Amino acid sequence: MLTLTDNARAAVQDIAERAGLPEQGGLRIAPSPAQDGSFELSLVAEAPAGDSVIDAERAKVYLEPETSAVLADQQLDAVQSEEGPGFLLAAQG
């Protein structure tokens, strides 16, 4: 299952709080509509039906079912830039 680094957990918590999401709100990762192997990130107020839920100390990440399988062995990290946090995926290990 996808895991989160401490940086990613903090970034997801911060983004959700700044957006005023309810406690069950979080970051959702789904395939990009362009279908080019990339992913789309969005903020949601709750988990859509069928999504996998990663709850890392109040930081919630929801994975669309297809995405959940593709990212099963990945780790989500976050880096800060002038534009705000950016997210990166890397193989666990």
Protein backbone atom coordinates (compact mmCIF):
# COMPACT_ATOMS: atom_id res chain seq x y z
CA MET A 1 0.00 0.00 0.00
CA LEU A 2 1.15 3.55 -0.68
CA THR A 3 2.95 5.08 2.29
CA LEU A 4 3.60 8.71 3.20
CA THR A 5 6.82 10.30 4.37
CA ASP A 6 6.64 12.68 7.31
CA ASN A 7 6.96 15.58 4.83
CA ALA A 8 4.01 14.31 2.78
CA ARG A 9 1.89 13.74 5.88
CA ALA A 10 2.56 17.29 7.10
CA ALA A 11 1.87 18.77 3.65
CA VAL A 12 -1.45 16.90 3.28
CA GLN A 13 -2.52 18.00 6.77
CA ASP A 14 -1.59 21.61 6.03
CA ILE A 15 -3.35 21.70 2.65
CA ALA A 16 -6.53 20.13 4.07
CA GLU A 17 -6.61 22.55 7.01
CA ARG A 18 -5.99 25.61 4.81
CA ALA A 19 -8.78 24.47 2.47
CA GLY A 20 -11.17 24.18 5.41
CA LEU A 21 -11.91 20.52 4.72
CA PRO A 22 -13.86 18.55 7.32
CA GLU A 23 -12.00 15.97 9.42
CA GLN A 24 -12.72 13.22 6.87
CA GLY A 25 -11.42 15.37 3.98
CA GLY A 26 -8.12 14.83 2.29
CA LEU A 27 -6.05 14.48 -0.85
CA ARG A 28 -7.33 12.19 -3.62
CA ILE A 29 -5.07 10.59 -6.20
CA ALA A 30 -6.68 9.34 -9.42
CA PRO A 31 -5.54 8.67 -12.99
CA SER A 32 -5.17 11.80 -15.10
CA PRO A 33 -7.98 12.25 -17.65
CA ALA A 34 -5.24 12.48 -20.28
CA GLN A 35 -4.59 8.75 -19.64
CA ASP A 36 -0.86 9.20 -20.17
CA GLY A 37 0.22 7.34 -17.03
CA SER A 38 0.14 10.45 -14.87
CA PHE A 39 -2.01 11.18 -11.85
CA GLU A 40 -4.36 13.95 -10.84
CA LEU A 41 -4.44 15.29 -7.29
CA SER A 42 -7.53 16.91 -5.84
CA LEU A 43 -8.94 17.84 -2.45
CA VAL A 44 -12.14 16.07 -1.43
CA ALA A 45 -14.43 16.46 1.56
CA GLU A 46 -14.74 12.69 1.98
CA ALA A 47 -13.66 9.43 0.38
CA PRO A 48 -15.50 8.61 -2.84
CA ALA A 49 -17.12 5.16 -2.81
CA GLY A 50 -14.62 2.43 -3.59
CA ASP A 51 -11.49 4.45 -2.85
CA SER A 52 -8.74 3.07 -0.63
CA VAL A 53 -8.04 5.20 2.42
CA ILE A 54 -4.64 5.96 3.89
CA ASP A 55 -4.97 7.64 7.27
CA ALA A 56 -1.57 8.83 8.49
CA GLU A 57 -2.02 10.76 11.73
CA ARG A 58 -4.93 12.93 10.56
CA ALA A 59 -3.56 13.21 7.02
CA LYS A 60 -5.97 11.38 4.74
CA VAL A 61 -5.09 10.28 1.23
CA TYR A 62 -7.72 8.60 -0.96
CA LEU A 63 -6.73 6.39 -3.86
CA GLU A 64 -9.01 5.61 -6.77
CA PRO A 65 -9.17 1.77 -7.08
CA GLU A 66 -6.98 1.51 -10.21
CA THR A 67 -4.50 3.96 -8.74
CA SER A 68 -4.34 2.03 -5.49
CA ALA A 69 -3.02 -1.05 -7.31
CA VAL A 70 -0.52 0.94 -9.41
CA LEU A 71 0.90 2.80 -6.38
CA ALA A 72 0.93 -0.18 -3.99
CA ASP A 73 4.74 -0.23 -3.72
CA GLN A 74 5.28 3.56 -3.80
CA GLN A 75 5.96 6.21 -1.21
CA LEU A 76 4.52 9.73 -1.41
CA ASP A 77 6.90 12.52 -0.47
CA ALA A 78 6.50 16.30 -0.47
CA VAL A 79 8.94 19.11 -1.21
CA GLN A 80 8.43 22.81 -0.65
CA SER A 81 8.85 25.37 -3.42
CA GLU A 82 7.92 29.01 -3.91
CA GLU A 83 4.56 27.87 -5.34
CA GLY A 84 3.83 25.64 -2.33
CA PRO A 85 4.22 21.92 -1.72
CA GLY A 86 4.90 19.52 -4.56
CA PHE A 87 4.43 15.77 -4.35
CA LEU A 88 6.77 13.06 -5.57
CA LEU A 89 6.39 9.30 -5.85
CA ALA A 90 9.28 6.89 -5.31
CA ALA A 91 9.59 3.14 -4.91
CA GLN A 92 9.62 2.03 -1.28
CA GLY A 93 12.75 0.47 0.00
